[in-house]
N, C-alpha and C. Protein backbone atom coordinates (compact mmCIF):
# COMPACT_ATOMS: atom_id res chain seq x y z
N MET A 1 0.84 -1.18 0.00
CA MET A 1 0.00 0.00 0.00
C MET A 1 0.88 1.24 0.00
N ALA A 2 0.68 2.13 -0.92
CA ALA A 2 1.39 3.40 -0.94
C ALA A 2 0.67 4.33 0.04
N ARG A 3 1.18 4.38 1.24
CA ARG A 3 0.49 5.01 2.34
C ARG A 3 0.21 6.49 2.13
N TYR A 4 1.03 7.18 1.36
CA TYR A 4 0.86 8.62 1.20
C TYR A 4 0.09 9.01 -0.06
N ASN A 5 -0.34 8.04 -0.87
CA ASN A 5 -1.05 8.37 -2.10
C ASN A 5 -2.35 9.12 -1.86
N ASN A 6 -3.03 8.84 -0.78
CA ASN A 6 -4.33 9.46 -0.53
C ASN A 6 -4.29 10.63 0.43
N ILE A 7 -3.10 11.08 0.80
CA ILE A 7 -3.00 12.19 1.74
C ILE A 7 -3.39 13.48 1.04
N ARG A 8 -4.11 14.33 1.75
CA ARG A 8 -4.59 15.58 1.17
C ARG A 8 -3.41 16.46 0.74
N LEU A 9 -3.49 16.93 -0.48
CA LEU A 9 -2.50 17.85 -1.01
C LEU A 9 -3.04 19.25 -0.83
N ILE A 10 -2.25 20.09 -0.18
CA ILE A 10 -2.65 21.46 0.06
C ILE A 10 -1.86 22.35 -0.89
N THR A 11 -2.56 22.97 -1.82
CA THR A 11 -1.92 23.86 -2.77
C THR A 11 -2.56 25.23 -2.62
N PRO A 12 -1.83 26.18 -2.03
CA PRO A 12 -2.40 27.52 -1.86
C PRO A 12 -2.70 28.16 -3.22
N ARG A 13 -3.78 28.89 -3.29
CA ARG A 13 -4.14 29.57 -4.54
C ARG A 13 -3.41 30.91 -4.58
N THR A 14 -2.53 31.06 -5.55
CA THR A 14 -1.81 32.32 -5.73
C THR A 14 -1.76 32.64 -7.21
N SER A 15 -1.51 33.90 -7.51
CA SER A 15 -1.40 34.28 -8.92
C SER A 15 -0.07 33.85 -9.50
N SER A 16 0.98 33.80 -8.67
CA SER A 16 2.30 33.44 -9.19
C SER A 16 2.46 31.94 -9.39
N GLY A 17 1.80 31.15 -8.56
CA GLY A 17 1.90 29.70 -8.67
C GLY A 17 3.26 29.15 -8.27
N ASN A 18 4.06 29.95 -7.56
CA ASN A 18 5.41 29.52 -7.19
C ASN A 18 5.51 28.87 -5.82
N LEU A 19 4.43 28.74 -5.11
CA LEU A 19 4.49 28.15 -3.78
C LEU A 19 4.61 26.64 -3.88
N PRO A 20 5.40 26.04 -2.99
CA PRO A 20 5.54 24.58 -3.02
C PRO A 20 4.26 23.90 -2.54
N ARG A 21 4.07 22.69 -3.03
CA ARG A 21 2.93 21.90 -2.58
C ARG A 21 3.24 21.38 -1.18
N ARG A 22 2.21 21.25 -0.38
CA ARG A 22 2.36 20.69 0.96
C ARG A 22 1.30 19.62 1.14
N TYR A 23 1.61 18.69 2.01
CA TYR A 23 0.65 17.65 2.34
C TYR A 23 0.14 17.88 3.75
N SER A 24 -1.12 17.59 3.96
CA SER A 24 -1.69 17.74 5.30
C SER A 24 -1.13 16.65 6.21
N THR A 25 -1.36 16.82 7.48
CA THR A 25 -0.89 15.86 8.46
C THR A 25 -1.61 14.53 8.30
N VAL A 26 -0.85 13.46 8.38
CA VAL A 26 -1.42 12.12 8.28
C VAL A 26 -2.21 11.83 9.55
N LYS A 27 -3.39 11.29 9.39
CA LYS A 27 -4.23 10.93 10.53
C LYS A 27 -4.33 9.41 10.59
N TYR A 28 -4.11 8.87 11.76
CA TYR A 28 -4.16 7.42 11.93
C TYR A 28 -5.43 7.04 12.69
N PRO A 29 -6.07 5.97 12.27
CA PRO A 29 -7.30 5.55 12.97
C PRO A 29 -6.97 4.94 14.32
N GLU A 30 -7.91 5.06 15.22
CA GLU A 30 -7.79 4.35 16.50
C GLU A 30 -7.96 2.86 16.18
N ILE A 31 -7.13 2.04 16.81
CA ILE A 31 -7.22 0.60 16.57
C ILE A 31 -7.58 -0.06 17.90
N PRO A 32 -8.88 -0.26 18.13
CA PRO A 32 -9.31 -0.85 19.40
C PRO A 32 -8.86 -2.30 19.54
N LYS A 33 -8.76 -2.73 20.77
CA LYS A 33 -8.39 -4.13 21.03
C LYS A 33 -9.48 -5.05 20.55
N ASP A 34 -9.07 -6.26 20.18
CA ASP A 34 -10.01 -7.26 19.68
C ASP A 34 -9.53 -8.63 20.15
N PHE A 35 -10.45 -9.55 20.34
CA PHE A 35 -10.08 -10.90 20.78
C PHE A 35 -9.18 -11.61 19.78
N SER A 36 -9.22 -11.19 18.53
CA SER A 36 -8.41 -11.85 17.50
C SER A 36 -6.97 -11.32 17.45
N ASP A 37 -6.67 -10.26 18.20
CA ASP A 37 -5.33 -9.70 18.19
C ASP A 37 -4.29 -10.70 18.68
N ILE A 38 -3.08 -10.53 18.20
CA ILE A 38 -1.97 -11.40 18.56
C ILE A 38 -1.06 -10.62 19.51
N TYR A 39 -0.59 -11.27 20.55
CA TYR A 39 0.32 -10.63 21.51
C TYR A 39 1.65 -11.36 21.50
N VAL A 40 2.73 -10.58 21.40
CA VAL A 40 4.08 -11.13 21.45
C VAL A 40 4.92 -10.25 22.37
N TYR A 41 6.02 -10.81 22.85
CA TYR A 41 6.98 -10.02 23.61
C TYR A 41 8.12 -9.62 22.69
N ALA A 42 8.48 -8.35 22.73
CA ALA A 42 9.55 -7.84 21.87
C ALA A 42 10.87 -8.47 22.27
N THR A 43 11.58 -8.94 21.27
CA THR A 43 12.90 -9.50 21.49
C THR A 43 13.94 -8.58 20.88
N GLN A 44 15.19 -8.86 21.17
CA GLN A 44 16.28 -8.07 20.63
C GLN A 44 16.21 -8.06 19.10
N GLY A 45 16.26 -6.89 18.49
CA GLY A 45 16.23 -6.77 17.04
C GLY A 45 14.85 -6.61 16.43
N ASP A 46 13.80 -6.69 17.24
CA ASP A 46 12.44 -6.49 16.71
C ASP A 46 12.27 -5.04 16.29
N ARG A 47 11.58 -4.87 15.18
CA ARG A 47 11.16 -3.55 14.70
C ARG A 47 9.75 -3.72 14.17
N TYR A 48 8.99 -2.63 14.20
CA TYR A 48 7.60 -2.71 13.74
C TYR A 48 7.51 -3.11 12.27
N ASP A 49 8.43 -2.63 11.45
CA ASP A 49 8.38 -3.01 10.03
C ASP A 49 8.68 -4.49 9.82
N LEU A 50 9.57 -5.05 10.63
CA LEU A 50 9.87 -6.49 10.52
C LEU A 50 8.69 -7.33 11.02
N LEU A 51 8.04 -6.87 12.09
CA LEU A 51 6.86 -7.57 12.59
C LEU A 51 5.73 -7.51 11.56
N ALA A 52 5.56 -6.35 10.92
CA ALA A 52 4.52 -6.22 9.90
C ALA A 52 4.80 -7.15 8.73
N ASN A 53 6.05 -7.28 8.38
CA ASN A 53 6.40 -8.20 7.29
C ASN A 53 6.11 -9.64 7.70
N ASP A 54 6.42 -9.99 8.94
CA ASP A 54 6.17 -11.35 9.43
C ASP A 54 4.68 -11.68 9.48
N TYR A 55 3.87 -10.75 9.99
CA TYR A 55 2.45 -11.05 10.22
C TYR A 55 1.53 -10.65 9.05
N TYR A 56 1.93 -9.61 8.28
CA TYR A 56 1.07 -9.13 7.20
C TYR A 56 1.69 -9.32 5.81
N ASN A 57 2.92 -9.81 5.76
CA ASN A 57 3.66 -9.93 4.50
C ASN A 57 3.80 -8.59 3.79
N ASP A 58 3.87 -7.50 4.57
CA ASP A 58 4.00 -6.17 4.00
C ASP A 58 4.62 -5.24 5.05
N SER A 59 5.89 -4.94 4.89
CA SER A 59 6.58 -4.12 5.89
C SER A 59 6.06 -2.68 5.94
N SER A 60 5.41 -2.20 4.86
CA SER A 60 4.90 -0.83 4.85
C SER A 60 3.71 -0.65 5.80
N LEU A 61 3.18 -1.75 6.32
CA LEU A 61 2.06 -1.66 7.27
C LEU A 61 2.53 -1.58 8.72
N TRP A 62 3.81 -1.24 8.91
CA TRP A 62 4.38 -1.12 10.26
C TRP A 62 3.58 -0.15 11.12
N TRP A 63 3.02 0.88 10.51
CA TRP A 63 2.30 1.90 11.26
C TRP A 63 1.08 1.34 11.97
N ILE A 64 0.51 0.25 11.48
CA ILE A 64 -0.64 -0.37 12.14
C ILE A 64 -0.22 -0.91 13.50
N ILE A 65 0.89 -1.62 13.54
CA ILE A 65 1.38 -2.18 14.81
C ILE A 65 1.83 -1.06 15.74
N SER A 66 2.50 -0.06 15.18
CA SER A 66 2.94 1.07 15.98
C SER A 66 1.76 1.83 16.58
N THR A 67 0.73 2.08 15.78
CA THR A 67 -0.45 2.79 16.26
C THR A 67 -1.18 1.98 17.32
N ALA A 68 -1.25 0.67 17.15
CA ALA A 68 -1.92 -0.19 18.13
C ALA A 68 -1.16 -0.21 19.46
N ASN A 69 0.11 0.18 19.44
CA ASN A 69 0.96 0.15 20.64
C ASN A 69 1.50 1.53 20.97
N TYR A 70 0.71 2.57 20.72
CA TYR A 70 1.18 3.93 20.92
C TYR A 70 1.67 4.20 22.34
N GLU A 71 1.10 3.53 23.32
CA GLU A 71 1.49 3.75 24.71
C GLU A 71 2.83 3.08 25.04
N VAL A 72 3.28 2.16 24.21
CA VAL A 72 4.54 1.45 24.43
C VAL A 72 5.71 2.26 23.89
N SER A 73 5.59 2.71 22.67
CA SER A 73 6.70 3.39 22.01
C SER A 73 6.16 4.21 20.87
N TYR A 74 5.69 5.41 21.16
CA TYR A 74 5.02 6.21 20.15
C TYR A 74 5.97 6.96 19.21
N ASP A 75 7.26 6.99 19.52
CA ASP A 75 8.19 7.78 18.72
C ASP A 75 9.35 6.97 18.15
N SER A 76 9.16 5.68 18.04
CA SER A 76 10.25 4.82 17.57
C SER A 76 9.69 3.66 16.77
N ILE A 77 10.48 3.18 15.83
CA ILE A 77 10.10 2.00 15.06
C ILE A 77 10.54 0.72 15.77
N THR A 78 11.24 0.88 16.89
CA THR A 78 11.74 -0.25 17.66
C THR A 78 11.01 -0.34 19.00
N PRO A 79 10.26 -1.41 19.23
CA PRO A 79 9.60 -1.55 20.53
C PRO A 79 10.64 -1.88 21.61
N PRO A 80 10.43 -1.40 22.83
CA PRO A 80 11.37 -1.71 23.90
C PRO A 80 11.46 -3.22 24.15
N TYR A 81 12.67 -3.69 24.33
CA TYR A 81 12.94 -5.11 24.57
C TYR A 81 12.12 -5.61 25.76
N GLY A 82 11.44 -6.73 25.60
CA GLY A 82 10.69 -7.36 26.68
C GLY A 82 9.27 -6.87 26.87
N THR A 83 8.86 -5.84 26.13
CA THR A 83 7.49 -5.34 26.30
C THR A 83 6.52 -6.18 25.47
N GLN A 84 5.30 -6.25 25.94
CA GLN A 84 4.27 -6.98 25.20
C GLN A 84 3.74 -6.09 24.08
N ILE A 85 3.73 -6.64 22.87
CA ILE A 85 3.30 -5.90 21.69
C ILE A 85 2.00 -6.53 21.17
N ARG A 86 1.02 -5.66 20.90
CA ARG A 86 -0.25 -6.12 20.33
C ARG A 86 -0.18 -5.97 18.82
N ILE A 87 -0.45 -7.05 18.13
CA ILE A 87 -0.47 -7.05 16.67
C ILE A 87 -1.91 -7.30 16.23
N PRO A 88 -2.56 -6.28 15.67
CA PRO A 88 -3.92 -6.49 15.20
C PRO A 88 -3.97 -7.65 14.20
N SER A 89 -4.95 -8.46 14.34
CA SER A 89 -5.10 -9.66 13.51
C SER A 89 -5.10 -9.31 12.02
N PRO A 90 -4.43 -10.12 11.20
CA PRO A 90 -4.47 -9.89 9.76
C PRO A 90 -5.89 -9.84 9.19
N SER A 91 -6.84 -10.49 9.85
CA SER A 91 -8.22 -10.46 9.37
C SER A 91 -8.86 -9.08 9.53
N ARG A 92 -8.23 -8.20 10.32
CA ARG A 92 -8.76 -6.86 10.54
C ARG A 92 -8.14 -5.82 9.61
N LEU A 93 -7.17 -6.20 8.81
CA LEU A 93 -6.44 -5.25 7.98
C LEU A 93 -7.35 -4.42 7.08
N SER A 94 -8.29 -5.05 6.40
CA SER A 94 -9.13 -4.31 5.46
C SER A 94 -9.94 -3.22 6.17
N SER A 95 -10.45 -3.49 7.35
CA SER A 95 -11.23 -2.45 8.05
C SER A 95 -10.32 -1.34 8.57
N ILE A 96 -9.12 -1.68 9.02
CA ILE A 96 -8.17 -0.66 9.49
C ILE A 96 -7.75 0.23 8.33
N LEU A 97 -7.41 -0.39 7.20
CA LEU A 97 -6.99 0.39 6.03
C LEU A 97 -8.13 1.25 5.50
N SER A 98 -9.34 0.75 5.57
CA SER A 98 -10.50 1.52 5.13
C SER A 98 -10.69 2.76 6.00
N ARG A 99 -10.54 2.60 7.31
CA ARG A 99 -10.65 3.75 8.22
C ARG A 99 -9.52 4.75 7.98
N TYR A 100 -8.31 4.24 7.73
CA TYR A 100 -7.18 5.11 7.42
C TYR A 100 -7.47 5.94 6.17
N GLU A 101 -7.97 5.30 5.14
CA GLU A 101 -8.27 6.00 3.89
C GLU A 101 -9.38 7.02 4.07
N SER A 102 -10.37 6.73 4.89
CA SER A 102 -11.44 7.69 5.09
C SER A 102 -10.97 8.93 5.85
N LEU A 103 -9.93 8.78 6.67
CA LEU A 103 -9.37 9.93 7.39
C LEU A 103 -8.43 10.76 6.52
N ASN A 104 -7.87 10.15 5.51
CA ASN A 104 -6.85 10.80 4.69
C ASN A 104 -7.21 10.73 3.21
N PHE A 105 -8.40 11.15 2.87
CA PHE A 105 -8.91 10.95 1.53
C PHE A 105 -8.49 12.06 0.57
N PHE A 106 -7.98 11.70 -0.53
CA PHE A 106 -7.51 12.46 -1.69
C PHE A 106 -7.27 13.96 -1.53
N ASN A 107 -6.84 14.53 -2.62
CA ASN A 107 -6.32 15.90 -2.66
C ASN A 107 -7.40 16.97 -2.56
N ASP A 108 -7.11 17.96 -1.73
CA ASP A 108 -7.95 19.13 -1.61
C ASP A 108 -7.13 20.33 -2.05
N ILE A 109 -7.77 21.31 -2.63
CA ILE A 109 -7.09 22.55 -2.97
C ILE A 109 -7.63 23.64 -2.09
N ILE A 110 -6.73 24.39 -1.49
CA ILE A 110 -7.14 25.49 -0.61
C ILE A 110 -7.05 26.79 -1.39
């Protein structure tokens, strides 16, 4: 999934047209806990992108695991060693991605 393809493009209206394009802030959906979620303990060398590749066969979906564990490590791609990590079930991917897309839907012109 090209995660930034649907992010709103903000292009200010000017007569010169020389202003750079900007993208709005990415919004991530809340990922509530579910009985189907998988729980693992972080080991040495774990990273969210590697976990996403292992569980979803797509390392670009690392943000799903990171968002589901925002209280563990909200500013790093590496979960702290020994912490319990929640991995949303692969069966939930389509609904999570759908919510992500609805929050960050296509280009707007300002």
